[in-house]
Amino acid sequence: MTTMKASKHEMLKAQWQKMIKDQSESGLSIREWCRENDISHGKFYYWQRVIREEALIKAGTLAVTGQTQFVEVKQSIAEIKPNNQGTCAILRSNGNKIEILNGAIQIL
C-alpha cells in the first residue's frame, strides 16, 4: 500500500471504529442503526470485518514476534465489579493481583 493510500485507509478506519462503537452503544441492531444514520449496512459490515481482521493480524504478529505491549493499570482502593461480569482470569505477580472480567473489550 502506498503511503498516501495507507494514510487514507487509517483515517477511514478511525472514522469507522467510532461509528462501530456508536452503533454498539446505541442498543439498535446494525440494520436499524444504519438506516437511522443513512449508512449502507454492507459498508458497515465491510469495515467491521476489515477492523477485526487487522486486529487479529496485529495480535498474531505480536504473538509470533514476541513483541510486548504495555498498558497502564491504575490501582483503585474500591473494587467495583458490575453484577453481570464474572471473572475471566486472575493474574498474580509479586503480591499484585489483576482481575480480568468477562466482557472486557478492546478499543481499537
PDB file of N, CA and C in Angstrom:
ATOM      1  N   MET A   1       0.845  -1.167   0.000  1.00  0.00           N
ATOM      2  CA  MET A   1       0.000   0.000   0.000  1.00  0.00           C
ATOM      3  C   MET A   1       0.898   1.240   0.000  1.00  0.00           C
ATOM      4  N   THR A   2       0.598   2.166  -0.859  1.00  0.00           N
ATOM      5  CA  THR A   2       1.389   3.393  -0.896  1.00  0.00           C
ATOM      6  C   THR A   2       1.121   4.203   0.377  1.00  0.00           C
ATOM      7  N   THR A   3       2.023   5.121   0.678  1.00  0.00           N
ATOM      8  CA  THR A   3       1.906   5.917   1.901  1.00  0.00           C
ATOM      9  C   THR A   3       0.610   6.715   1.935  1.00  0.00           C
ATOM     10  N   MET A   4       0.254   7.361   0.808  1.00  0.00           N
ATOM     11  CA  MET A   4      -0.973   8.160   0.777  1.00  0.00           C
ATOM     12  C   MET A   4      -2.194   7.259   0.935  1.00  0.00           C
ATOM     13  N   LYS A   5      -2.164   6.109   0.268  1.00  0.00           N
ATOM     14  CA  LYS A   5      -3.284   5.187   0.360  1.00  0.00           C
ATOM     15  C   LYS A   5      -3.390   4.625   1.782  1.00  0.00           C
ATOM     16  N   ALA A   6      -2.245   4.340   2.404  1.00  0.00           N
ATOM     17  CA  ALA A   6      -2.239   3.828   3.774  1.00  0.00           C
ATOM     18  C   ALA A   6      -2.786   4.878   4.740  1.00  0.00           C
ATOM     19  N   SER A   7      -2.418   6.141   4.539  1.00  0.00           N
ATOM     20  CA  SER A   7      -2.907   7.220   5.400  1.00  0.00           C
ATOM     21  C   SER A   7      -4.423   7.364   5.284  1.00  0.00           C
ATOM     22  N   LYS A   8      -4.936   7.299   4.053  1.00  0.00           N
ATOM     23  CA  LYS A   8      -6.379   7.401   3.841  1.00  0.00           C
ATOM     24  C   LYS A   8      -7.084   6.220   4.498  1.00  0.00           C
ATOM     25  N   HIS A   9      -6.496   5.028   4.353  1.00  0.00           N
ATOM     26  CA  HIS A   9      -7.075   3.832   4.959  1.00  0.00           C
ATOM     27  C   HIS A   9      -7.153   3.997   6.482  1.00  0.00           C
ATOM     28  N   GLU A  10      -6.086   4.477   7.108  1.00  0.00           N
ATOM     29  CA  GLU A  10      -6.059   4.653   8.561  1.00  0.00           C
ATOM     30  C   GLU A  10      -7.078   5.697   9.002  1.00  0.00           C
ATOM     31  N   MET A  11      -7.237   6.760   8.212  1.00  0.00           N
ATOM     32  CA  MET A  11      -8.213   7.796   8.526  1.00  0.00           C
ATOM     33  C   MET A  11      -9.639   7.228   8.455  1.00  0.00           C
ATOM     34  N   LEU A  12      -9.937   6.500   7.389  1.00  0.00           N
ATOM     35  CA  LEU A  12     -11.258   5.881   7.248  1.00  0.00           C
ATOM     36  C   LEU A  12     -11.490   4.851   8.349  1.00  0.00           C
ATOM     37  N   LYS A  13     -10.457   4.076   8.655  1.00  0.00           N
ATOM     38  CA  LYS A  13     -10.587   3.060   9.697  1.00  0.00           C
ATOM     39  C   LYS A  13     -10.931   3.719  11.034  1.00  0.00           C
ATOM     40  N   ALA A  14     -10.285   4.827  11.360  1.00  0.00           N
ATOM     41  CA  ALA A  14     -10.573   5.538  12.615  1.00  0.00           C
ATOM     42  C   ALA A  14     -12.024   6.030  12.643  1.00  0.00           C
ATOM     43  N   GLN A  15     -12.509   6.551  11.509  1.00  0.00           N
ATOM     44  CA  GLN A  15     -13.902   7.015  11.436  1.00  0.00           C
ATOM     45  C   GLN A  15     -14.868   5.852  11.648  1.00  0.00           C
ATOM     46  N   TRP A  16     -14.566   4.716  11.007  1.00  0.00           N
ATOM     47  CA  TRP A  16     -15.440   3.560  11.126  1.00  0.00           C
ATOM     48  C   TRP A  16     -15.377   2.930  12.511  1.00  0.00           C
ATOM     49  N   GLN A  17     -14.224   2.978  13.144  1.00  0.00           N
ATOM     50  CA  GLN A  17     -14.131   2.461  14.516  1.00  0.00           C
ATOM     51  C   GLN A  17     -15.083   3.233  15.418  1.00  0.00           C
ATOM     52  N   LYS A  18     -15.129   4.543  15.237  1.00  0.00           N
ATOM     53  CA  LYS A  18     -16.027   5.366  16.040  1.00  0.00           C
ATOM     54  C   LYS A  18     -17.487   5.028  15.724  1.00  0.00           C
ATOM     55  N   MET A  19     -17.814   4.883  14.438  1.00  0.00           N
ATOM     56  CA  MET A  19     -19.200   4.567  14.069  1.00  0.00           C
ATOM     57  C   MET A  19     -19.607   3.191  14.598  1.00  0.00           C
ATOM     58  N   ILE A  20     -18.700   2.216  14.527  1.00  0.00           N
ATOM     59  CA  ILE A  20     -18.999   0.875  15.027  1.00  0.00           C
ATOM     60  C   ILE A  20     -19.227   0.922  16.535  1.00  0.00           C
ATOM     61  N   LYS A  21     -18.418   1.697  17.228  1.00  0.00           N
ATOM     62  CA  LYS A  21     -18.593   1.865  18.676  1.00  0.00           C
ATOM     63  C   LYS A  21     -19.933   2.546  18.961  1.00  0.00           C
ATOM     64  N   ASP A  22     -20.263   3.593  18.206  1.00  0.00           N
ATOM     65  CA  ASP A  22     -21.539   4.298  18.386  1.00  0.00           C
ATOM     66  C   ASP A  22     -22.718   3.346  18.195  1.00  0.00           C
ATOM     67  N   GLN A  23     -22.644   2.510  17.158  1.00  0.00           N
ATOM     68  CA  GLN A  23     -23.728   1.548  16.914  1.00  0.00           C
ATOM     69  C   GLN A  23     -23.843   0.585  18.088  1.00  0.00           C
ATOM     70  N   SER A  24     -22.723   0.081  18.547  1.00  0.00           N
ATOM     71  CA  SER A  24     -22.712  -0.882  19.644  1.00  0.00           C
ATOM     72  C   SER A  24     -23.348  -0.301  20.909  1.00  0.00           C
ATOM     73  N   GLU A  25     -23.068   0.970  21.166  1.00  0.00           N
ATOM     74  CA  GLU A  25     -23.591   1.622  22.369  1.00  0.00           C
ATOM     75  C   GLU A  25     -25.032   2.109  22.202  1.00  0.00           C
ATOM     76  N   SER A  26     -25.529   2.111  20.968  1.00  0.00           N
ATOM     77  CA  SER A  26     -26.879   2.646  20.706  1.00  0.00           C
ATOM     78  C   SER A  26     -27.997   1.720  21.165  1.00  0.00           C
ATOM     79  N   GLY A  27     -27.717   0.424  21.235  1.00  0.00           N
ATOM     80  CA  GLY A  27     -28.767  -0.529  21.574  1.00  0.00           C
ATOM     81  C   GLY A  27     -29.607  -0.949  20.370  1.00  0.00           C
ATOM     82  N   LEU A  28     -29.324  -0.362  19.214  1.00  0.00           N
ATOM     83  CA  LEU A  28     -30.049  -0.704  17.989  1.00  0.00           C
ATOM     84  C   LEU A  28     -29.331  -1.833  17.262  1.00  0.00           C
ATOM     85  N   SER A  29     -30.081  -2.561  16.440  1.00  0.00           N
ATOM     86  CA  SER A  29     -29.433  -3.550  15.579  1.00  0.00           C
ATOM     87  C   SER A  29     -28.605  -2.785  14.540  1.00  0.00           C
ATOM     88  N   ILE A  30     -27.694  -3.492  13.903  1.00  0.00           N
ATOM     89  CA  ILE A  30     -26.852  -2.848  12.894  1.00  0.00           C
ATOM     90  C   ILE A  30     -27.713  -2.264  11.783  1.00  0.00           C
ATOM     91  N   ARG A  31     -28.676  -3.029  11.306  1.00  0.00           N
ATOM     92  CA  ARG A  31     -29.532  -2.535  10.218  1.00  0.00           C
ATOM     93  C   ARG A  31     -30.341  -1.311  10.640  1.00  0.00           C
ATOM     94  N   GLU A  32     -30.887  -1.339  11.864  1.00  0.00           N
ATOM     95  CA  GLU A  32     -31.657  -0.176  12.337  1.00  0.00           C
ATOM     96  C   GLU A  32     -30.751   1.051  12.463  1.00  0.00           C
ATOM     97  N   TRP A  33     -29.558   0.863  13.055  1.00  0.00           N
ATOM     98  CA  TRP A  33     -28.629   1.977  13.239  1.00  0.00           C
ATOM     99  C   TRP A  33     -28.197   2.547  11.890  1.00  0.00           C
ATOM    100  N   CYS A  34     -27.912   1.663  10.939  1.00  0.00           N
ATOM    101  CA  CYS A  34     -27.503   2.115   9.604  1.00  0.00           C
ATOM    102  C   CYS A  34     -28.625   2.895   8.928  1.00  0.00           C
ATOM    103  N   ARG A  35     -29.849   2.403   9.054  1.00  0.00           N
ATOM    104  CA  ARG A  35     -30.994   3.094   8.458  1.00  0.00           C
ATOM    105  C   ARG A  35     -31.143   4.487   9.066  1.00  0.00           C
ATOM    106  N   GLU A  36     -31.048   4.584  10.403  1.00  0.00           N
ATOM    107  CA  GLU A  36     -31.196   5.881  11.070  1.00  0.00           C
ATOM    108  C   GLU A  36     -30.063   6.846  10.729  1.00  0.00           C
ATOM    109  N   ASN A  37     -28.885   6.311  10.395  1.00  0.00           N
ATOM    110  CA  ASN A  37     -27.726   7.160  10.106  1.00  0.00           C
ATOM    111  C   ASN A  37     -27.407   7.242   8.621  1.00  0.00           C
ATOM    112  N   ASP A  38     -28.327   6.727   7.798  1.00  0.00           N
ATOM    113  CA  ASP A  38     -28.187   6.769   6.339  1.00  0.00           C
ATOM    114  C   ASP A  38     -26.838   6.214   5.881  1.00  0.00           C
ATOM    115  N   ILE A  39     -26.518   5.025   6.392  1.00  0.00           N
ATOM    116  CA  ILE A  39     -25.266   4.339   6.059  1.00  0.00           C
ATOM    117  C   ILE A  39     -25.616   2.963   5.509  1.00  0.00           C
ATOM    118  N   SER A  40     -24.953   2.572   4.450  1.00  0.00           N
ATOM    119  CA  SER A  40     -25.170   1.247   3.869  1.00  0.00           C
ATOM    120  C   SER A  40     -24.721   0.178   4.870  1.00  0.00           C
ATOM    121  N   HIS A  41     -25.631  -0.777   5.168  1.00  0.00           N
ATOM    122  CA  HIS A  41     -25.230  -1.829   6.104  1.00  0.00           C
ATOM    123  C   HIS A  41     -24.130  -2.712   5.506  1.00  0.00           C
ATOM    124  N   GLY A  42     -24.054  -2.775   4.184  1.00  0.00           N
ATOM    125  CA  GLY A  42     -22.975  -3.518   3.531  1.00  0.00           C
ATOM    126  C   GLY A  42     -21.617  -2.897   3.831  1.00  0.00           C
ATOM    127  N   LYS A  43     -21.558  -1.555   3.782  1.00  0.00           N
ATOM    128  CA  LYS A  43     -20.313  -0.851   4.126  1.00  0.00           C
ATOM    129  C   LYS A  43     -19.972  -1.045   5.586  1.00  0.00           C
ATOM    130  N   PHE A  44     -20.996  -1.005   6.426  1.00  0.00           N
ATOM    131  CA  PHE A  44     -20.769  -1.195   7.868  1.00  0.00           C
ATOM    132  C   PHE A  44     -20.131  -2.563   8.109  1.00  0.00           C
ATOM    133  N   TYR A  45     -20.721  -3.617   7.535  1.00  0.00           N
ATOM    134  CA  TYR A  45     -20.185  -4.972   7.724  1.00  0.00           C
ATOM    135  C   TYR A  45     -18.778  -5.094   7.120  1.00  0.00           C
ATOM    136  N   TYR A  46     -18.546  -4.448   5.984  1.00  0.00           N
ATOM    137  CA  TYR A  46     -17.214  -4.474   5.358  1.00  0.00           C
ATOM    138  C   TYR A  46     -16.164  -3.918   6.316  1.00  0.00           C
ATOM    139  N   TRP A  47     -16.415  -2.716   6.859  1.00  0.00           N
ATOM    140  CA  TRP A  47     -15.436  -2.086   7.739  1.00  0.00           C
ATOM    141  C   TRP A  47     -15.307  -2.828   9.067  1.00  0.00           C
ATOM    142  N   GLN A  48     -16.394  -3.389   9.541  1.00  0.00           N
ATOM    143  CA  GLN A  48     -16.326  -4.190  10.756  1.00  0.00           C
ATOM    144  C   GLN A  48     -15.381  -5.382  10.542  1.00  0.00           C
ATOM    145  N   ARG A  49     -15.507  -6.025   9.376  1.00  0.00           N
ATOM    146  CA  ARG A  49     -14.645  -7.163   9.057  1.00  0.00           C
ATOM    147  C   ARG A  49     -13.182  -6.722   8.895  1.00  0.00           C
ATOM    148  N   VAL A  50     -12.933  -5.619   8.186  1.00  0.00           N
ATOM    149  CA  VAL A  50     -11.574  -5.112   7.981  1.00  0.00           C
ATOM    150  C   VAL A  50     -10.908  -4.812   9.324  1.00  0.00           C
ATOM    151  N   ILE A  51     -11.620  -4.135  10.198  1.00  0.00           N
ATOM    152  CA  ILE A  51     -11.069  -3.761  11.503  1.00  0.00           C
ATOM    153  C   ILE A  51     -10.763  -5.004  12.339  1.00  0.00           C
ATOM    154  N   ARG A  52     -11.667  -5.970  12.336  1.00  0.00           N
ATOM    155  CA  ARG A  52     -11.429  -7.212  13.092  1.00  0.00           C
ATOM    156  C   ARG A  52     -10.237  -7.976  12.530  1.00  0.00           C
ATOM    157  N   GLU A  53     -10.170  -8.098  11.211  1.00  0.00           N
ATOM    158  CA  GLU A  53      -9.065  -8.837  10.591  1.00  0.00           C
ATOM    159  C   GLU A  53      -7.722  -8.182  10.893  1.00  0.00           C
ATOM    160  N   GLU A  54      -7.660  -6.855  10.797  1.00  0.00           N
ATOM    161  CA  GLU A  54      -6.404  -6.155  11.084  1.00  0.00           C
ATOM    162  C   GLU A  54      -6.008  -6.310  12.546  1.00  0.00           C
ATOM    163  N   ALA A  55      -6.982  -6.318  13.446  1.00  0.00           N
ATOM    164  CA  ALA A  55      -6.684  -6.520  14.864  1.00  0.00           C
ATOM    165  C   ALA A  55      -6.146  -7.929  15.103  1.00  0.00           C
ATOM    166  N   LEU A  56      -6.746  -8.928  14.432  1.00  0.00           N
ATOM    167  CA  LEU A  56      -6.274 -10.307  14.576  1.00  0.00           C
ATOM    168  C   LEU A  56      -4.867 -10.482  14.007  1.00  0.00           C
ATOM    169  N   ILE A  57      -4.609  -9.840  12.871  1.00  0.00           N
ATOM    170  CA  ILE A  57      -3.271  -9.915  12.271  1.00  0.00           C
ATOM    171  C   ILE A  57      -2.253  -9.289  13.213  1.00  0.00           C
ATOM    172  N   LYS A  58      -2.595  -8.130  13.764  1.00  0.00           N
ATOM    173  CA  LYS A  58      -1.684  -7.456  14.691  1.00  0.00           C
ATOM    174  C   LYS A  58      -1.435  -8.328  15.915  1.00  0.00           C
ATOM    175  N   ALA A  59      -2.482  -8.912  16.464  1.00  0.00           N
ATOM    176  CA  ALA A  59      -2.325  -9.770  17.636  1.00  0.00           C
ATOM    177  C   ALA A  59      -1.476 -10.991  17.304  1.00  0.00           C
ATOM    178  N   GLY A  60      -1.691 -11.587  16.118  1.00  0.00           N
ATOM    179  CA  GLY A  60      -0.899 -12.735  15.700  1.00  0.00           C
ATOM    180  C   GLY A  60       0.551 -12.378  15.478  1.00  0.00           C
ATOM    181  N   THR A  61       0.794 -11.213  14.899  1.00  0.00           N
ATOM    182  CA  THR A  61       2.160 -10.747  14.668  1.00  0.00           C
ATOM    183  C   THR A  61       2.875 -10.539  15.990  1.00  0.00           C
ATOM    184  N   LEU A  62       2.188  -9.951  16.952  1.00  0.00           N
ATOM    185  CA  LEU A  62       2.802  -9.748  18.258  1.00  0.00           C
ATOM    186  C   LEU A  62       3.119 -11.077  18.920  1.00  0.00           C
ATOM    187  N   ALA A  63       2.229 -12.055  18.764  1.00  0.00           N
ATOM    188  CA  ALA A  63       2.467 -13.362  19.361  1.00  0.00           C
ATOM    189  C   ALA A  63       3.662 -14.058  18.705  1.00  0.00           C
ATOM    190  N   VAL A  64       3.765 -13.950  17.377  1.00  0.00           N
ATOM    191  CA  VAL A  64       4.840 -14.620  16.640  1.00  0.00           C
ATOM    192  C   VAL A  64       6.185 -13.943  16.879  1.00  0.00           C
ATOM    193  N   THR A  65       6.193 -12.608  16.885  1.00  0.00           N
ATOM    194  CA  THR A  65       7.457 -11.883  17.030  1.00  0.00           C
ATOM    195  C   THR A  65       7.876 -11.758  18.483  1.00  0.00           C
ATOM    196  N   GLY A  66       6.975 -12.029  19.397  1.00  0.00           N
ATOM    197  CA  GLY A  66       7.318 -11.916  20.805  1.00  0.00           C
ATOM    198  C   GLY A  66       7.382 -10.486  21.296  1.00  0.00           C
ATOM    199  N   GLN A  67       6.868  -9.548  20.493  1.00  0.00           N
ATOM    200  CA  GLN A  67       6.860  -8.154  20.925  1.00  0.00           C
ATOM    201  C   GLN A  67       5.920  -7.986  22.110  1.00  0.00           C
ATOM    202  N   THR A  68       6.242  -7.045  22.949  1.00  0.00           N
ATOM    203  CA  THR A  68       5.437  -6.779  24.136  1.00  0.00           C
ATOM    204  C   THR A  68       4.791  -5.413  24.009  1.00  0.00           C
ATOM    205  N   GLN A  69       3.540  -5.321  24.420  1.00  0.00           N
ATOM    206  CA  GLN A  69       2.868  -4.032  24.505  1.00  0.00           C
ATOM    207  C   GLN A  69       2.440  -3.850  25.948  1.00  0.00           C
ATOM    208  N   PHE A  70       2.466  -2.619  26.414  1.00  0.00           N
ATOM    209  CA  PHE A  70       2.131  -2.322  27.792  1.00  0.00           C
ATOM    210  C   PHE A  70       0.873  -1.484  27.864  1.00  0.00           C
ATOM    211  N   VAL A  71       0.184  -1.639  28.961  1.00  0.00           N
ATOM    212  CA  VAL A  71      -0.990  -0.825  29.238  1.00  0.00           C
ATOM    213  C   VAL A  71      -0.869  -0.357  30.690  1.00  0.00           C
ATOM    214  N   GLU A  72      -1.227   0.887  30.935  1.00  0.00           N
ATOM    215  CA  GLU A  72      -1.167   1.411  32.295  1.00  0.00           C
ATOM    216  C   GLU A  72      -2.320   0.835  33.103  1.00  0.00           C
ATOM    217  N   VAL A  73      -1.998   0.347  34.279  1.00  0.00           N
ATOM    218  CA  VAL A  73      -3.005  -0.183  35.194  1.00  0.00           C
ATOM    219  C   VAL A  73      -2.984   0.687  36.435  1.00  0.00           C
ATOM    220  N   LYS A  74      -4.096   1.334  36.699  1.00  0.00           N
ATOM    221  CA  LYS A  74      -4.178   2.204  37.869  1.00  0.00           C
ATOM    222  C   LYS A  74      -4.774   1.425  39.030  1.00  0.00           C
ATOM    223  N   GLN A  75      -4.149   1.558  40.170  1.00  0.00           N
ATOM    224  CA  GLN A  75      -4.630   0.874  41.354  1.00  0.00           C
ATOM    225  C   GLN A  75      -5.820   1.632  41.904  1.00  0.00           C
ATOM    226  N   SER A  76      -6.840   0.905  42.281  1.00  0.00           N
ATOM    227  CA  SER A  76      -8.006   1.560  42.871  1.00  0.00           C
ATOM    228  C   SER A  76      -8.200   1.034  44.287  1.00  0.00           C
ATOM    229  N   ILE A  77      -8.722   1.884  45.137  1.00  0.00           N
ATOM    230  CA  ILE A  77      -8.954   1.491  46.525  1.00  0.00           C
ATOM    231  C   ILE A  77     -10.205   0.627  46.610  1.00  0.00           C
ATOM    232  N   ALA A  78     -11.267   1.071  45.969  1.00  0.00           N
ATOM    233  CA  ALA A  78     -12.517   0.320  45.991  1.00  0.00           C
ATOM    234  C   ALA A  78     -12.585  -0.568  44.767  1.00  0.00           C
ATOM    235  N   GLU A  79     -12.948  -1.814  44.987  1.00  0.00           N
ATOM    236  CA  GLU A  79     -13.116  -2.723  43.861  1.00  0.00           C
ATOM    237  C   GLU A  79     -14.577  -2.665  43.444  1.00  0.00           C
ATOM    238  N   ILE A  80     -14.800  -2.305  42.187  1.00  0.00           N
ATOM    239  CA  ILE A  80     -16.155  -2.217  41.653  1.00  0.00           C
ATOM    240  C   ILE A  80     -16.295  -3.282  40.581  1.00  0.00           C
ATOM    241  N   LYS A  81     -17.232  -4.178  40.760  1.00  0.00           N
ATOM    242  CA  LYS A  81     -17.458  -5.233  39.782  1.00  0.00           C
ATOM    243  C   LYS A  81     -18.950  -5.291  39.493  1.00  0.00           C
ATOM    244  N   PRO A  82     -19.340  -4.894  38.250  1.00  0.00           N
ATOM    245  CA  PRO A  82     -20.761  -4.968  37.902  1.00  0.00           C
ATOM    246  C   PRO A  82     -21.289  -6.388  38.083  1.00  0.00           C
ATOM    247  N   ASN A  83     -22.541  -6.498  38.452  1.00  0.00           N
ATOM    248  CA  ASN A  83     -23.144  -7.806  38.711  1.00  0.00           C
ATOM    249  C   ASN A  83     -23.130  -8.734  37.512  1.00  0.00           C
ATOM    250  N   ASN A  84     -23.141  -8.171  36.304  1.00  0.00           N
ATOM    251  CA  ASN A  84     -23.253  -9.003  35.113  1.00  0.00           C
ATOM    252  C   ASN A  84     -21.903  -9.467  34.570  1.00  0.00           C
ATOM    253  N   GLN A  85     -20.805  -9.176  35.269  1.00  0.00           N
ATOM    254  CA  GLN A  85     -19.498  -9.561  34.754  1.00  0.00           C
ATOM    255  C   GLN A  85     -18.809 -10.506  35.720  1.00  0.00           C
ATOM    256  N   GLY A  86     -18.545 -11.719  35.266  1.00  0.00           N
ATOM    257  CA  GLY A  86     -17.790 -12.665  36.056  1.00  0.00           C
ATOM    258  C   GLY A  86     -16.309 -12.514  35.753  1.00  0.00           C
ATOM    259  N   THR A  87     -15.505 -13.188  36.536  1.00  0.00           N
ATOM    260  CA  THR A  87     -14.062 -13.125  36.336  1.00  0.00           C
ATOM    261  C   THR A  87     -13.643 -14.079  35.232  1.00  0.00           C
ATOM    262  N   CYS A  88     -12.842 -13.576  34.315  1.00  0.00           N
ATOM    263  CA  CYS A  88     -12.318 -14.373  33.212  1.00  0.00           C
ATOM    264  C   CYS A  88     -10.945 -14.932  33.577  1.00  0.00           C
ATOM    265  N   ALA A  89     -10.103 -14.096  34.215  1.00  0.00           N
ATOM    266  CA  ALA A  89      -8.749 -14.525  34.583  1.00  0.00           C
ATOM    267  C   ALA A  89      -8.243 -13.668  35.724  1.00  0.00           C
ATOM    268  N   ILE A  90      -7.351 -14.244  36.522  1.00  0.00           N
ATOM    269  CA  ILE A  90      -6.681 -13.506  37.585  1.00  0.00           C
ATOM    270  C   ILE A  90      -5.192 -13.701  37.390  1.00  0.00           C
ATOM    271  N   LEU A  91      -4.457 -12.589  37.318  1.00  0.00           N
ATOM    272  CA  LEU A  91      -3.007 -12.620  37.171  1.00  0.00           C
ATOM    273  C   LEU A  91      -2.393 -12.181  38.488  1.00  0.00           C
ATOM    274  N   ARG A  92      -1.434 -12.984  38.995  1.00  0.00           N
ATOM    275  CA  ARG A  92      -0.766 -12.631  40.243  1.00  0.00           C
ATOM    276  C   ARG A  92       0.733 -12.602  40.005  1.00  0.00           C
ATOM    277  N   SER A  93       1.377 -11.560  40.540  1.00  0.00           N
ATOM    278  CA  SER A  93       2.827 -11.440  40.428  1.00  0.00           C
ATOM    279  C   SER A  93       3.342 -10.526  41.523  1.00  0.00           C
ATOM    280  N   ASN A  94       4.325 -10.979  42.261  1.00  0.00           N
ATOM    281  CA  ASN A  94       4.958 -10.166  43.311  1.00  0.00           C
ATOM    282  C   ASN A  94       3.946  -9.529  44.259  1.00  0.00           C
ATOM    283  N   GLY A  95       2.950 -10.271  44.653  1.00  0.00           N
ATOM    284  CA  GLY A  95       1.961  -9.758  45.598  1.00  0.00           C
ATOM    285  C   GLY A  95       0.892  -8.876  44.977  1.00  0.00           C
ATOM    286  N   ASN A  96       0.953  -8.654  43.670  1.00  0.00           N
ATOM    287  CA  ASN A  96      -0.060  -7.860  42.974  1.00  0.00           C
ATOM    288  C   ASN A  96      -1.066  -8.787  42.314  1.00  0.00           C
ATOM    289  N   LYS A  97      -2.271  -8.319  42.170  1.00  0.00           N
ATOM    290  CA  LYS A  97      -3.338  -9.120  41.565  1.00  0.00           C
ATOM    291  C   LYS A  97      -4.072  -8.265  40.540  1.00  0.00           C
ATOM    292  N   ILE A  98      -4.246  -8.810  39.338  1.00  0.00           N
ATOM    293  CA  ILE A  98      -5.030  -8.156  38.296  1.00  0.00           C
ATOM    294  C   ILE A  98      -6.162  -9.102  37.938  1.00  0.00           C
ATOM    295  N   GLU A  99      -7.385  -8.617  38.040  1.00  0.00           N
ATOM    296  CA  GLU A  99      -8.555  -9.414  37.719  1.00  0.00           C
ATOM    297  C   GLU A  99      -9.122  -8.924  36.387  1.00  0.00           C
ATOM    298  N   ILE A 100      -9.278  -9.837  35.447  1.00  0.00           N
ATOM    299  CA  ILE A 100      -9.826  -9.501  34.131  1.00  0.00           C
ATOM    300  C   ILE A 100     -11.250 -10.035  34.087  1.00  0.00           C
ATOM    301  N   LEU A 101     -12.191  -9.137  33.813  1.00  0.00           N
ATOM    302  CA  LEU A 101     -13.595  -9.502  33.815  1.00  0.00           C
ATOM    303  C   LEU A 101     -14.079  -9.927  32.445  1.00  0.00           C
ATOM    304  N   ASN A 102     -15.060 -10.813  32.419  1.00  0.00           N
ATOM    305  CA  ASN A 102     -15.738 -11.137  31.161  1.00  0.00           C
ATOM    306  C   ASN A 102     -16.360  -9.858  30.644  1.00  0.00           C
ATOM    307  N   GLY A 103     -16.384  -9.714  29.349  1.00  0.00           N
ATOM    308  CA  GLY A 103     -16.963  -8.512  28.768  1.00  0.00           C
ATOM    309  C   GLY A 103     -15.936  -7.427  28.547  1.00  0.00           C
ATOM    310  N   ALA A 104     -14.680  -7.693  28.946  1.00  0.00           N
ATOM    311  CA  ALA A 104     -13.637  -6.710  28.676  1.00  0.00           C
ATOM    312  C   ALA A 104     -13.519  -6.583  27.167  1.00  0.00           C
ATOM    313  N   ILE A 105     -13.388  -5.369  26.672  1.00  0.00           N
ATOM    314  CA  ILE A 105     -13.320  -5.162  25.229  1.00  0.00           C
ATOM    315  C   ILE A 105     -12.059  -4.409  24.871  1.00  0.00           C
ATOM    316  N   GLN A 106     -11.647  -4.605  23.644  1.00  0.00           N
ATOM    317  CA  GLN A 106     -10.505  -3.858  23.124  1.00  0.00           C
ATOM    318  C   GLN A 106     -11.052  -2.727  22.291  1.00  0.00           C
ATOM    319  N   ILE A 107     -10.589  -1.535  22.574  1.00  0.00           N
ATOM    320  CA  ILE A 107     -10.968  -0.376  21.784  1.00  0.00           C
ATOM    321  C   ILE A 107      -9.853  -0.124  20.812  1.00  0.00           C
ATOM    322  N   LEU A 108     -10.184  -0.212  19.512  1.00  0.00           N
ATOM    323  CA  LEU A 108      -9.140  -0.075  18.509  1.00  0.00           C
ATOM    324  C   LEU A 108      -8.967   1.356  18.094  1.00  0.00           C
TER     325      LEU A 108
END
